[in-house]
N, C-alpha and C. Protein backbone atom coordinates (compact mmCIF):
# COMPACT_ATOMS: atom_id res chain seq x y z
N MET A 1 249.05 -52.82 -210.85
CA MET A 1 248.70 -52.20 -209.04
C MET A 1 248.31 -52.54 -208.22
N VAL A 2 249.15 -52.73 -207.43
CA VAL A 2 248.61 -53.60 -205.38
C VAL A 2 247.39 -53.79 -205.35
N ASN A 3 246.66 -55.10 -205.08
CA ASN A 3 245.76 -55.61 -204.43
C ASN A 3 245.87 -56.50 -203.77
N ARG A 4 245.77 -55.88 -202.71
CA ARG A 4 246.00 -56.90 -200.90
C ARG A 4 247.47 -57.66 -201.00
N LEU A 5 246.85 -58.18 -201.80
CA LEU A 5 249.07 -59.50 -202.12
C LEU A 5 248.08 -60.20 -202.88
N TYR A 6 248.01 -59.59 -204.55
CA TYR A 6 248.29 -59.88 -205.95
C TYR A 6 249.19 -58.44 -206.18
N ASN A 7 249.62 -58.78 -207.07
CA ASN A 7 250.86 -57.99 -208.32
C ASN A 7 251.02 -56.61 -207.58
N TRP A 8 251.87 -57.73 -206.21
CA TRP A 8 253.17 -57.34 -205.76
C TRP A 8 254.10 -56.80 -206.66
N THR A 9 255.63 -56.20 -207.32
CA THR A 9 256.79 -56.43 -207.39
C THR A 9 257.82 -56.34 -206.45
N TYR A 10 258.86 -56.56 -207.76
CA TYR A 10 259.84 -56.72 -206.65
C TYR A 10 260.39 -55.38 -206.13
N ARG A 11 260.55 -54.34 -206.74
CA ARG A 11 260.23 -52.66 -206.93
C ARG A 11 259.22 -52.69 -205.61
N ASP A 12 257.68 -52.93 -205.21
CA ASP A 12 256.91 -53.19 -204.36
C ASP A 12 257.47 -53.06 -202.88
N VAL A 13 257.97 -54.37 -203.18
CA VAL A 13 258.61 -55.25 -202.35
C VAL A 13 259.14 -54.29 -201.59
N THR A 14 260.48 -54.52 -201.81
CA THR A 14 262.00 -53.68 -201.59
C THR A 14 261.39 -52.68 -200.84
N ASN A 15 260.22 -51.77 -201.62
CA ASN A 15 260.18 -50.27 -201.80
C ASN A 15 259.33 -50.07 -199.79
N PHE A 16 258.79 -51.22 -199.59
CA PHE A 16 257.53 -51.25 -198.81
C PHE A 16 259.28 -51.28 -197.11
N LEU A 17 259.93 -52.17 -197.92
CA LEU A 17 260.74 -52.91 -196.54
C LEU A 17 261.84 -51.94 -196.56
N LYS A 18 262.38 -51.29 -197.52
CA LYS A 18 262.60 -49.68 -197.27
C LYS A 18 262.43 -48.53 -196.43
N ASP A 19 260.78 -48.75 -196.40
CA ASP A 19 260.00 -47.39 -195.34
C ASP A 19 260.32 -47.94 -194.19
N LYS A 20 260.21 -49.49 -194.02
CA LYS A 20 260.21 -50.68 -192.70
C LYS A 20 262.16 -50.08 -192.34
N GLY A 21 262.86 -50.04 -192.63
CA GLY A 21 264.35 -49.64 -192.34
C GLY A 21 264.93 -50.75 -193.26
N PHE A 22 264.34 -51.60 -193.41
CA PHE A 22 265.52 -52.58 -193.98
C PHE A 22 266.59 -51.83 -194.82
N SER A 23 267.70 -52.68 -195.48
CA SER A 23 268.01 -52.51 -196.54
C SER A 23 268.66 -54.08 -197.10
N PHE A 24 269.59 -53.25 -198.20
CA PHE A 24 270.13 -54.56 -199.17
C PHE A 24 271.75 -54.92 -198.32
N PHE A 25 271.38 -55.93 -197.39
CA PHE A 25 272.95 -56.81 -197.27
C PHE A 25 273.58 -57.82 -197.99
N GLU A 26 272.84 -58.82 -199.00
CA GLU A 26 274.12 -58.86 -199.83
C GLU A 26 273.23 -59.98 -200.66
N GLN A 27 273.84 -60.11 -201.65
CA GLN A 27 273.64 -61.50 -203.34
C GLN A 27 273.42 -62.55 -202.70
N LEU A 28 272.72 -63.34 -203.48
CA LEU A 28 272.64 -64.66 -202.36
C LEU A 28 272.11 -65.49 -204.41
N LYS A 29 272.56 -66.78 -204.07
CA LYS A 29 272.79 -67.34 -205.20
C LYS A 29 271.04 -66.95 -206.04
N GLY A 30 271.72 -67.30 -207.59
CA GLY A 30 270.91 -66.62 -208.31
C GLY A 30 270.93 -65.13 -208.73
N SER A 31 269.38 -64.71 -208.18
CA SER A 31 268.49 -63.17 -208.60
C SER A 31 268.18 -63.45 -207.03
N HIS A 32 268.25 -64.82 -206.14
CA HIS A 32 268.07 -63.08 -204.27
C HIS A 32 268.86 -62.98 -204.09
N GLU A 33 268.32 -62.31 -203.19
CA GLU A 33 268.43 -60.76 -202.07
C GLU A 33 268.48 -61.34 -200.59
N SER A 34 269.04 -60.57 -199.46
CA SER A 34 268.78 -61.08 -198.52
C SER A 34 269.19 -58.91 -197.50
N TRP A 35 267.73 -58.78 -197.74
CA TRP A 35 267.31 -57.25 -196.91
C TRP A 35 267.46 -57.69 -195.28
N ILE A 36 268.41 -56.91 -194.43
CA ILE A 36 268.20 -56.85 -193.46
C ILE A 36 267.71 -55.74 -192.82
N LYS A 37 266.96 -55.37 -191.70
CA LYS A 37 266.89 -54.76 -190.32
C LYS A 37 267.77 -55.48 -189.24
N PHE A 38 268.06 -54.31 -188.65
CA PHE A 38 269.08 -54.30 -187.81
C PHE A 38 268.00 -53.26 -186.65
N GLY A 39 268.53 -53.83 -185.03
CA GLY A 39 267.48 -54.06 -183.70
C GLY A 39 268.51 -52.68 -183.26
N ASP A 40 267.54 -52.01 -182.15
CA ASP A 40 268.63 -51.48 -181.00
C ASP A 40 269.93 -51.31 -181.08
N ASN A 41 269.93 -52.53 -180.74
CA ASN A 41 271.57 -52.58 -180.48
C ASN A 41 272.65 -52.74 -181.41
N GLY A 42 272.04 -52.99 -182.59
CA GLY A 42 272.88 -52.62 -183.74
C GLY A 42 273.13 -54.14 -184.37
N GLU A 43 272.16 -55.09 -183.50
CA GLU A 43 272.64 -57.06 -183.98
C GLU A 43 271.38 -57.18 -185.43
N PRO A 44 271.78 -57.88 -186.31
CA PRO A 44 270.75 -57.86 -187.49
C PRO A 44 269.01 -58.30 -187.06
N ASP A 45 268.33 -57.52 -187.05
CA ASP A 45 267.19 -58.11 -185.80
C ASP A 45 266.36 -59.10 -186.99
N ARG A 46 265.47 -59.08 -188.45
CA ARG A 46 265.20 -59.84 -189.16
C ARG A 46 265.87 -59.55 -190.45
N ILE A 47 265.94 -60.16 -191.50
CA ILE A 47 266.51 -61.02 -192.69
C ILE A 47 265.66 -61.95 -193.60
N VAL A 48 265.55 -60.77 -194.97
CA VAL A 48 263.86 -60.98 -195.69
C VAL A 48 264.73 -61.80 -197.11
N GLU A 49 263.81 -62.58 -197.82
CA GLU A 49 264.81 -63.02 -198.56
C GLU A 49 263.93 -63.01 -200.44
N VAL A 50 264.60 -61.91 -201.23
CA VAL A 50 263.98 -61.82 -201.66
C VAL A 50 264.52 -62.17 -203.68
N ASN A 51 263.06 -62.83 -204.29
CA ASN A 51 263.79 -62.95 -205.16
C ASN A 51 263.59 -62.56 -206.06
N PHE A 52 264.50 -61.21 -206.92
CA PHE A 52 264.77 -60.34 -208.19
C PHE A 52 263.60 -60.63 -209.31
N ALA A 53 262.78 -60.33 -209.39
CA ALA A 53 261.98 -60.79 -210.69
C ALA A 53 260.63 -59.69 -211.22
N HIS A 54 260.43 -60.19 -212.51
CA HIS A 54 259.60 -59.54 -213.53
C HIS A 54 258.66 -58.88 -213.47
N LYS A 55 257.97 -60.64 -212.90
CA LYS A 55 256.64 -60.48 -212.89
C LYS A 55 256.29 -60.35 -211.30
N SER A 56 255.25 -60.38 -210.43
CA SER A 56 254.17 -60.40 -209.34
C SER A 56 254.83 -60.82 -209.16
N TYR A 57 254.81 -60.94 -207.45
CA TYR A 57 254.60 -61.93 -206.56
C TYR A 57 253.53 -62.87 -206.26
N PRO A 58 253.11 -64.05 -206.55
CA PRO A 58 251.99 -65.50 -205.99
C PRO A 58 251.70 -64.59 -205.08
N PRO A 59 250.93 -64.85 -204.32
CA PRO A 59 250.55 -64.80 -202.89
C PRO A 59 250.98 -65.47 -201.45
N LYS A 60 251.47 -66.95 -202.24
CA LYS A 60 251.67 -67.47 -201.10
C LYS A 60 253.46 -67.09 -200.84
N THR A 61 254.03 -66.62 -202.28
CA THR A 61 255.68 -66.59 -201.88
C THR A 61 255.87 -65.10 -201.13
N LEU A 62 254.62 -64.67 -201.20
CA LEU A 62 254.78 -63.21 -200.74
C LEU A 62 254.16 -63.02 -199.09
N LYS A 63 253.87 -64.26 -198.91
CA LYS A 63 253.14 -63.98 -197.26
C LYS A 63 254.49 -64.87 -196.91
N ILE A 64 255.31 -65.98 -197.30
CA ILE A 64 256.92 -66.49 -196.93
C ILE A 64 257.85 -64.37 -196.52
N MET A 65 257.58 -63.59 -197.20
CA MET A 65 258.29 -62.45 -197.38
C MET A 65 257.96 -61.91 -195.50
N ILE A 66 256.77 -61.78 -196.30
CA ILE A 66 256.16 -61.00 -194.66
C ILE A 66 256.14 -62.23 -193.25
N ARG A 67 256.05 -63.37 -193.83
CA ARG A 67 256.93 -63.65 -192.06
C ARG A 67 257.66 -64.08 -192.16
N GLN A 68 258.35 -64.09 -193.57
CA GLN A 68 260.50 -63.38 -192.86
C GLN A 68 260.58 -62.30 -192.38
N SER A 69 260.01 -61.29 -192.22
CA SER A 69 260.17 -59.61 -192.15
C SER A 69 259.19 -59.08 -190.93
N GLY A 70 258.65 -60.15 -190.43
CA GLY A 70 257.46 -59.82 -188.98
C GLY A 70 256.93 -58.99 -188.70
N ILE A 71 256.61 -58.47 -190.25
CA ILE A 71 256.04 -57.27 -189.88
C ILE A 71 254.39 -57.76 -190.14
N ASP A 72 253.59 -57.51 -189.20
CA ASP A 72 251.43 -58.02 -189.45
C ASP A 72 251.39 -57.36 -190.89
N GLN A 73 250.97 -58.11 -191.35
CA GLN A 73 250.08 -58.72 -192.99
C GLN A 73 249.39 -57.43 -193.57
N LYS A 74 248.91 -57.21 -192.55
CA LYS A 74 247.38 -55.72 -192.58
C LYS A 74 249.10 -54.31 -192.49
N GLU A 75 249.52 -54.45 -191.77
CA GLU A 75 250.80 -53.57 -192.58
C GLU A 75 250.76 -53.60 -193.28
N TRP A 76 251.22 -54.47 -194.33
CA TRP A 76 251.46 -55.18 -196.02
C TRP A 76 251.15 -54.12 -196.75
N ILE A 77 249.37 -54.78 -196.13
CA ILE A 77 247.69 -54.55 -197.36
C ILE A 77 247.87 -53.19 -196.60
N THR A 78 248.29 -52.15 -195.50
CA THR A 78 248.10 -50.94 -195.66
C THR A 78 248.81 -50.04 -196.35
N TRP A 79 250.09 -49.98 -196.63
CA TRP A 79 250.89 -49.37 -197.14
C TRP A 79 250.41 -49.59 -198.96
N ALA A 80 249.80 -50.85 -198.90
CA ALA A 80 249.83 -50.74 -201.36
C ALA A 80 249.11 -50.30 -200.87
N GLY A 81 247.51 -49.66 -200.17
CA GLY A 81 246.58 -48.83 -200.11
C GLY A 81 246.71 -47.67 -200.42
N ALA A 82 247.78 -46.87 -199.72
CA ALA A 82 248.09 -45.73 -199.66
C ALA A 82 248.90 -45.04 -200.26
């Protein structure tokens, strides 16, 4: 169960990104993926690098993905509590 910035899994992160308009873009080196969100003009707006992991992400790693997404951390926390 997600608790603020703890216990976020790959599935939690990708479900959140999908809800916010991101989609899978491409496979990167190893187990990393890039998720992209396009702007209103059709140009790429944001790219988030997500590492496929079987464990939950450390808060520091999650904060990097939050920063890349451009979505406020409070919105991530609110989504997790819903």
